[in-house]
Amino acid sequence: MSDDLRETAQRKLSFLQTMKAVAWGFFGVRKGAGYREDTARLNPVHVIVAGLLAAAIFVTVLVLIVRWAVSSLT
């Protein structure tokens, strides 16, 4: 079982490519062939880190937009 875990952790896509795949996932625009290719090559650890990073950026942008909108009303 540890061999499977090592193999999964050593997949080929870089962290930047993983961020790109996660960004496409956030928008919901992914072709079936690209999705299948990514699932075969993405490193699960990179996906988790990229997802958390993308979610934090998304929430930060929303908070900044709300602060800007509220400050412009006063």
PDB file of N, CA and C in Angstrom:
ATOM      1  N   MET A   1       0.812  -1.190   0.000  1.00  0.00           N
ATOM      2  CA  MET A   1       0.000   0.000   0.000  1.00  0.00           C
ATOM      3  C   MET A   1       0.857   1.257   0.000  1.00  0.00           C
ATOM      4  N   SER A   2       2.001   1.236   0.638  1.00  0.00           N
ATOM      5  CA  SER A   2       2.864   2.413   0.661  1.00  0.00           C
ATOM      6  C   SER A   2       3.460   2.683  -0.719  1.00  0.00           C
ATOM      7  N   ASP A   3       3.639   1.644  -1.550  1.00  0.00           N
ATOM      8  CA  ASP A   3       4.119   1.853  -2.918  1.00  0.00           C
ATOM      9  C   ASP A   3       3.101   2.639  -3.725  1.00  0.00           C
ATOM     10  N   ASP A   4       1.818   2.349  -3.549  1.00  0.00           N
ATOM     11  CA  ASP A   4       0.767   3.098  -4.238  1.00  0.00           C
ATOM     12  C   ASP A   4       0.777   4.557  -3.803  1.00  0.00           C
ATOM     13  N   LEU A   5       0.977   4.794  -2.530  1.00  0.00           N
ATOM     14  CA  LEU A   5       1.012   6.151  -2.007  1.00  0.00           C
ATOM     15  C   LEU A   5       2.207   6.913  -2.569  1.00  0.00           C
ATOM     16  N   ARG A   6       3.358   6.268  -2.632  1.00  0.00           N
ATOM     17  CA  ARG A   6       4.542   6.915  -3.209  1.00  0.00           C
ATOM     18  C   ARG A   6       4.328   7.231  -4.682  1.00  0.00           C
ATOM     19  N   GLU A   7       3.749   6.291  -5.416  1.00  0.00           N
ATOM     20  CA  GLU A   7       3.493   6.498  -6.845  1.00  0.00           C
ATOM     21  C   GLU A   7       2.526   7.657  -7.057  1.00  0.00           C
ATOM     22  N   THR A   8       1.495   7.737  -6.235  1.00  0.00           N
ATOM     23  CA  THR A   8       0.514   8.805  -6.347  1.00  0.00           C
ATOM     24  C   THR A   8       1.151  10.152  -6.051  1.00  0.00           C
ATOM     25  N   ALA A   9       2.020  10.219  -5.075  1.00  0.00           N
ATOM     26  CA  ALA A   9       2.664  11.477  -4.690  1.00  0.00           C
ATOM     27  C   ALA A   9       3.711  11.925  -5.702  1.00  0.00           C
ATOM     28  N   GLN A  10       4.147  11.050  -6.593  1.00  0.00           N
ATOM     29  CA  GLN A  10       5.192  11.392  -7.553  1.00  0.00           C
ATOM     30  C   GLN A  10       4.656  11.535  -8.970  1.00  0.00           C
ATOM     31  N   ARG A  11       3.431  11.969  -9.122  1.00  0.00           N
ATOM     32  CA  ARG A  11       2.861  12.156 -10.460  1.00  0.00           C
ATOM     33  C   ARG A  11       3.526  13.335 -11.154  1.00  0.00           C
ATOM     34  N   LYS A  12       3.278  13.480 -12.440  1.00  0.00           N
ATOM     35  CA  LYS A  12       4.112  14.305 -13.300  1.00  0.00           C
ATOM     36  C   LYS A  12       3.819  15.804 -13.367  1.00  0.00           C
ATOM     37  N   LEU A  13       2.602  16.264 -13.153  1.00  0.00           N
ATOM     38  CA  LEU A  13       2.300  17.678 -13.361  1.00  0.00           C
ATOM     39  C   LEU A  13       2.931  18.547 -12.270  1.00  0.00           C
ATOM     40  N   SER A  14       3.370  19.732 -12.679  1.00  0.00           N
ATOM     41  CA  SER A  14       3.976  20.671 -11.729  1.00  0.00           C
ATOM     42  C   SER A  14       2.874  21.360 -10.924  1.00  0.00           C
ATOM     43  N   PHE A  15       3.289  22.106  -9.904  1.00  0.00           N
ATOM     44  CA  PHE A  15       2.311  22.807  -9.074  1.00  0.00           C
ATOM     45  C   PHE A  15       1.590  23.880  -9.886  1.00  0.00           C
ATOM     46  N   LEU A  16       2.292  24.552 -10.789  1.00  0.00           N
ATOM     47  CA  LEU A  16       1.663  25.575 -11.631  1.00  0.00           C
ATOM     48  C   LEU A  16       0.596  24.953 -12.538  1.00  0.00           C
ATOM     49  N   GLN A  17       0.880  23.800 -13.109  1.00  0.00           N
ATOM     50  CA  GLN A  17      -0.104  23.104 -13.936  1.00  0.00           C
ATOM     51  C   GLN A  17      -1.300  22.663 -13.088  1.00  0.00           C
ATOM     52  N   THR A  18      -1.033  22.283 -11.856  1.00  0.00           N
ATOM     53  CA  THR A  18      -2.111  21.914 -10.947  1.00  0.00           C
ATOM     54  C   THR A  18      -2.974  23.126 -10.639  1.00  0.00           C
ATOM     55  N   MET A  19      -2.346  24.288 -10.414  1.00  0.00           N
ATOM     56  CA  MET A  19      -3.115  25.518 -10.167  1.00  0.00           C
ATOM     57  C   MET A  19      -4.003  25.846 -11.365  1.00  0.00           C
ATOM     58  N   LYS A  20      -3.478  25.639 -12.554  1.00  0.00           N
ATOM     59  CA  LYS A  20      -4.265  25.888 -13.770  1.00  0.00           C
ATOM     60  C   LYS A  20      -5.477  24.956 -13.814  1.00  0.00           C
ATOM     61  N   ALA A  21      -5.286  23.697 -13.511  1.00  0.00           N
ATOM     62  CA  ALA A  21      -6.388  22.733 -13.514  1.00  0.00           C
ATOM     63  C   ALA A  21      -7.423  23.088 -12.450  1.00  0.00           C
ATOM     64  N   VAL A  22      -6.962  23.527 -11.282  1.00  0.00           N
ATOM     65  CA  VAL A  22      -7.890  23.920 -10.211  1.00  0.00           C
ATOM     66  C   VAL A  22      -8.659  25.177 -10.620  1.00  0.00           C
ATOM     67  N   ALA A  23      -7.981  26.120 -11.270  1.00  0.00           N
ATOM     68  CA  ALA A  23      -8.656  27.337 -11.729  1.00  0.00           C
ATOM     69  C   ALA A  23      -9.750  27.000 -12.732  1.00  0.00           C
ATOM     70  N   TRP A  24      -9.459  26.109 -13.668  1.00  0.00           N
ATOM     71  CA  TRP A  24     -10.492  25.681 -14.618  1.00  0.00           C
ATOM     72  C   TRP A  24     -11.637  24.999 -13.889  1.00  0.00           C
ATOM     73  N   GLY A  25     -11.319  24.263 -12.855  1.00  0.00           N
ATOM     74  CA  GLY A  25     -12.347  23.608 -12.054  1.00  0.00           C
ATOM     75  C   GLY A  25     -13.233  24.609 -11.322  1.00  0.00           C
ATOM     76  N   PHE A  26     -12.651  25.702 -10.845  1.00  0.00           N
ATOM     77  CA  PHE A  26     -13.433  26.747 -10.179  1.00  0.00           C
ATOM     78  C   PHE A  26     -14.423  27.373 -11.149  1.00  0.00           C
ATOM     79  N   PHE A  27     -14.005  27.559 -12.405  1.00  0.00           N
ATOM     80  CA  PHE A  27     -14.888  28.146 -13.411  1.00  0.00           C
ATOM     81  C   PHE A  27     -15.876  27.124 -13.960  1.00  0.00           C
ATOM     82  N   GLY A  28     -15.576  25.858 -13.825  1.00  0.00           N
ATOM     83  CA  GLY A  28     -16.467  24.812 -14.305  1.00  0.00           C
ATOM     84  C   GLY A  28     -16.401  24.571 -15.798  1.00  0.00           C
ATOM     85  N   VAL A  29     -15.318  25.003 -16.433  1.00  0.00           N
ATOM     86  CA  VAL A  29     -15.152  24.805 -17.870  1.00  0.00           C
ATOM     87  C   VAL A  29     -13.986  23.860 -18.115  1.00  0.00           C
ATOM     88  N   ARG A  30     -14.293  22.609 -18.229  1.00  0.00           N
ATOM     89  CA  ARG A  30     -13.266  21.586 -18.443  1.00  0.00           C
ATOM     90  C   ARG A  30     -13.766  20.612 -19.486  1.00  0.00           C
ATOM     91  N   LYS A  31     -12.949  20.323 -20.461  1.00  0.00           N
ATOM     92  CA  LYS A  31     -13.305  19.294 -21.443  1.00  0.00           C
ATOM     93  C   LYS A  31     -13.111  17.924 -20.813  1.00  0.00           C
ATOM     94  N   GLY A  32     -13.878  16.957 -21.269  1.00  0.00           N
ATOM     95  CA  GLY A  32     -13.794  15.610 -20.712  1.00  0.00           C
ATOM     96  C   GLY A  32     -12.406  15.001 -20.855  1.00  0.00           C
ATOM     97  N   ALA A  33     -11.791  15.209 -22.016  1.00  0.00           N
ATOM     98  CA  ALA A  33     -10.461  14.631 -22.246  1.00  0.00           C
ATOM     99  C   ALA A  33      -9.425  15.277 -21.328  1.00  0.00           C
ATOM    100  N   GLY A  34      -9.509  16.586 -21.141  1.00  0.00           N
ATOM    101  CA  GLY A  34      -8.582  17.278 -20.244  1.00  0.00           C
ATOM    102  C   GLY A  34      -8.757  16.840 -18.806  1.00  0.00           C
ATOM    103  N   TYR A  35     -10.008  16.622 -18.416  1.00  0.00           N
ATOM    104  CA  TYR A  35     -10.285  16.166 -17.050  1.00  0.00           C
ATOM    105  C   TYR A  35      -9.685  14.784 -16.819  1.00  0.00           C
ATOM    106  N   ARG A  36      -9.887  13.878 -17.760  1.00  0.00           N
ATOM    107  CA  ARG A  36      -9.345  12.514 -17.602  1.00  0.00           C
ATOM    108  C   ARG A  36      -7.819  12.527 -17.575  1.00  0.00           C
ATOM    109  N   GLU A  37      -7.229  13.367 -18.415  1.00  0.00           N
ATOM    110  CA  GLU A  37      -5.764  13.462 -18.427  1.00  0.00           C
ATOM    111  C   GLU A  37      -5.252  14.020 -17.098  1.00  0.00           C
ATOM    112  N   ASP A  38      -5.914  15.041 -16.585  1.00  0.00           N
ATOM    113  CA  ASP A  38      -5.492  15.635 -15.316  1.00  0.00           C
ATOM    114  C   ASP A  38      -5.634  14.663 -14.158  1.00  0.00           C
ATOM    115  N   THR A  39      -6.735  13.930 -14.099  1.00  0.00           N
ATOM    116  CA  THR A  39      -6.921  13.001 -12.989  1.00  0.00           C
ATOM    117  C   THR A  39      -5.876  11.903 -12.998  1.00  0.00           C
ATOM    118  N   ALA A  40      -5.357  11.582 -14.160  1.00  0.00           N
ATOM    119  CA  ALA A  40      -4.320  10.546 -14.236  1.00  0.00           C
ATOM    120  C   ALA A  40      -2.949  11.092 -13.847  1.00  0.00           C
ATOM    121  N   ARG A  41      -2.737  12.410 -13.997  1.00  0.00           N
ATOM    122  CA  ARG A  41      -1.400  12.962 -13.808  1.00  0.00           C
ATOM    123  C   ARG A  41      -1.254  13.912 -12.630  1.00  0.00           C
ATOM    124  N   LEU A  42      -2.358  14.376 -12.042  1.00  0.00           N
ATOM    125  CA  LEU A  42      -2.264  15.349 -10.956  1.00  0.00           C
ATOM    126  C   LEU A  42      -1.790  14.700  -9.661  1.00  0.00           C
ATOM    127  N   ASN A  43      -1.002  15.437  -8.928  1.00  0.00           N
ATOM    128  CA  ASN A  43      -0.547  15.011  -7.611  1.00  0.00           C
ATOM    129  C   ASN A  43      -1.625  15.428  -6.603  1.00  0.00           C
ATOM    130  N   PRO A  44      -2.205  14.499  -5.860  1.00  0.00           N
ATOM    131  CA  PRO A  44      -3.289  14.839  -4.934  1.00  0.00           C
ATOM    132  C   PRO A  44      -2.893  15.875  -3.875  1.00  0.00           C
ATOM    133  N   VAL A  45      -1.653  15.841  -3.434  1.00  0.00           N
ATOM    134  CA  VAL A  45      -1.191  16.827  -2.455  1.00  0.00           C
ATOM    135  C   VAL A  45      -1.209  18.223  -3.084  1.00  0.00           C
ATOM    136  N   HIS A  46      -0.762  18.332  -4.333  1.00  0.00           N
ATOM    137  CA  HIS A  46      -0.795  19.610  -5.037  1.00  0.00           C
ATOM    138  C   HIS A  46      -2.231  20.094  -5.205  1.00  0.00           C
ATOM    139  N   VAL A  47      -3.145  19.190  -5.483  1.00  0.00           N
ATOM    140  CA  VAL A  47      -4.549  19.570  -5.684  1.00  0.00           C
ATOM    141  C   VAL A  47      -5.128  20.144  -4.390  1.00  0.00           C
ATOM    142  N   ILE A  48      -4.840  19.521  -3.274  1.00  0.00           N
ATOM    143  CA  ILE A  48      -5.356  20.000  -1.987  1.00  0.00           C
ATOM    144  C   ILE A  48      -4.787  21.381  -1.677  1.00  0.00           C
ATOM    145  N   VAL A  49      -3.474  21.547  -1.816  1.00  0.00           N
ATOM    146  CA  VAL A  49      -2.843  22.843  -1.544  1.00  0.00           C
ATOM    147  C   VAL A  49      -3.356  23.906  -2.517  1.00  0.00           C
ATOM    148  N   ALA A  50      -3.455  23.566  -3.791  1.00  0.00           N
ATOM    149  CA  ALA A  50      -3.944  24.522  -4.796  1.00  0.00           C
ATOM    150  C   ALA A  50      -5.397  24.903  -4.524  1.00  0.00           C
ATOM    151  N   GLY A  51      -6.216  23.951  -4.130  1.00  0.00           N
ATOM    152  CA  GLY A  51      -7.611  24.239  -3.815  1.00  0.00           C
ATOM    153  C   GLY A  51      -7.748  25.160  -2.624  1.00  0.00           C
ATOM    154  N   LEU A  52      -6.973  24.913  -1.586  1.00  0.00           N
ATOM    155  CA  LEU A  52      -7.007  25.789  -0.409  1.00  0.00           C
ATOM    156  C   LEU A  52      -6.509  27.193  -0.746  1.00  0.00           C
ATOM    157  N   LEU A  53      -5.453  27.266  -1.533  1.00  0.00           N
ATOM    158  CA  LEU A  53      -4.916  28.559  -1.948  1.00  0.00           C
ATOM    159  C   LEU A  53      -5.925  29.321  -2.809  1.00  0.00           C
ATOM    160  N   ALA A  54      -6.538  28.645  -3.763  1.00  0.00           N
ATOM    161  CA  ALA A  54      -7.530  29.280  -4.627  1.00  0.00           C
ATOM    162  C   ALA A  54      -8.747  29.738  -3.826  1.00  0.00           C
ATOM    163  N   ALA A  55      -9.187  28.943  -2.866  1.00  0.00           N
ATOM    164  CA  ALA A  55     -10.319  29.333  -2.026  1.00  0.00           C
ATOM    165  C   ALA A  55      -9.974  30.555  -1.182  1.00  0.00           C
ATOM    166  N   ALA A  56      -8.758  30.606  -0.630  1.00  0.00           N
ATOM    167  CA  ALA A  56      -8.337  31.758   0.164  1.00  0.00           C
ATOM    168  C   ALA A  56      -8.278  33.026  -0.694  1.00  0.00           C
ATOM    169  N   ILE A  57      -7.774  32.903  -1.902  1.00  0.00           N
ATOM    170  CA  ILE A  57      -7.729  34.056  -2.815  1.00  0.00           C
ATOM    171  C   ILE A  57      -9.141  34.506  -3.161  1.00  0.00           C
ATOM    172  N   PHE A  58     -10.025  33.570  -3.428  1.00  0.00           N
ATOM    173  CA  PHE A  58     -11.418  33.882  -3.768  1.00  0.00           C
ATOM    174  C   PHE A  58     -12.103  34.629  -2.625  1.00  0.00           C
ATOM    175  N   VAL A  59     -11.958  34.140  -1.409  1.00  0.00           N
ATOM    176  CA  VAL A  59     -12.579  34.776  -0.242  1.00  0.00           C
ATOM    177  C   VAL A  59     -11.974  36.166  -0.022  1.00  0.00           C
ATOM    178  N   THR A  60     -10.676  36.309  -0.166  1.00  0.00           N
ATOM    179  CA  THR A  60     -10.020  37.604   0.004  1.00  0.00           C
ATOM    180  C   THR A  60     -10.531  38.615  -1.012  1.00  0.00           C
ATOM    181  N   VAL A  61     -10.667  38.198  -2.254  1.00  0.00           N
ATOM    182  CA  VAL A  61     -11.192  39.092  -3.292  1.00  0.00           C
ATOM    183  C   VAL A  61     -12.628  39.498  -2.961  1.00  0.00           C
ATOM    184  N   LEU A  62     -13.449  38.569  -2.516  1.00  0.00           N
ATOM    185  CA  LEU A  62     -14.822  38.908  -2.141  1.00  0.00           C
ATOM    186  C   LEU A  62     -14.860  39.899  -0.987  1.00  0.00           C
ATOM    187  N   VAL A  63     -14.036  39.693   0.020  1.00  0.00           N
ATOM    188  CA  VAL A  63     -13.988  40.616   1.160  1.00  0.00           C
ATOM    189  C   VAL A  63     -13.550  42.001   0.703  1.00  0.00           C
ATOM    190  N   LEU A  64     -12.552  42.083  -0.158  1.00  0.00           N
ATOM    191  CA  LEU A  64     -12.095  43.380  -0.657  1.00  0.00           C
ATOM    192  C   LEU A  64     -13.182  44.084  -1.469  1.00  0.00           C
ATOM    193  N   ILE A  65     -13.919  43.349  -2.279  1.00  0.00           N
ATOM    194  CA  ILE A  65     -15.011  43.937  -3.054  1.00  0.00           C
ATOM    195  C   ILE A  65     -16.100  44.475  -2.134  1.00  0.00           C
ATOM    196  N   VAL A  66     -16.449  43.716  -1.111  1.00  0.00           N
ATOM    197  CA  VAL A  66     -17.475  44.158  -0.171  1.00  0.00           C
ATOM    198  C   VAL A  66     -17.002  45.400   0.586  1.00  0.00           C
ATOM    199  N   ARG A  67     -15.764  45.410   1.039  1.00  0.00           N
ATOM    200  CA  ARG A  67     -15.235  46.585   1.744  1.00  0.00           C
ATOM    201  C   ARG A  67     -15.254  47.820   0.841  1.00  0.00           C
ATOM    202  N   TRP A  68     -14.858  47.640  -0.417  1.00  0.00           N
ATOM    203  CA  TRP A  68     -14.871  48.750  -1.370  1.00  0.00           C
ATOM    204  C   TRP A  68     -16.293  49.246  -1.584  1.00  0.00           C
ATOM    205  N   ALA A  69     -17.252  48.318  -1.753  1.00  0.00           N
ATOM    206  CA  ALA A  69     -18.642  48.708  -1.993  1.00  0.00           C
ATOM    207  C   ALA A  69     -19.227  49.429  -0.786  1.00  0.00           C
ATOM    208  N   VAL A  70     -18.935  48.954   0.423  1.00  0.00           N
ATOM    209  CA  VAL A  70     -19.452  49.586   1.633  1.00  0.00           C
ATOM    210  C   VAL A  70     -18.822  50.961   1.836  1.00  0.00           C
ATOM    211  N   SER A  71     -17.536  51.092   1.579  1.00  0.00           N
ATOM    212  CA  SER A  71     -16.870  52.389   1.770  1.00  0.00           C
ATOM    213  C   SER A  71     -17.323  53.412   0.742  1.00  0.00           C
ATOM    214  N   SER A  72     -17.718  52.971  -0.429  1.00  0.00           N
ATOM    215  CA  SER A  72     -18.169  53.927  -1.454  1.00  0.00           C
ATOM    216  C   SER A  72     -19.582  54.438  -1.165  1.00  0.00           C
ATOM    217  N   LEU A  73     -20.329  53.775  -0.280  1.00  0.00           N
ATOM    218  CA  LEU A  73     -21.665  54.224   0.065  1.00  0.00           C
ATOM    219  C   LEU A  73     -21.630  55.364   1.076  1.00  0.00           C
ATOM    220  N   THR A  74     -20.556  55.477   1.816  1.00  0.00           N
ATOM    221  CA  THR A  74     -20.495  56.518   2.849  1.00  0.00           C
ATOM    222  C   THR A  74     -19.717  57.713   2.411  1.00  0.00           C
TER     223      THR A  74
END
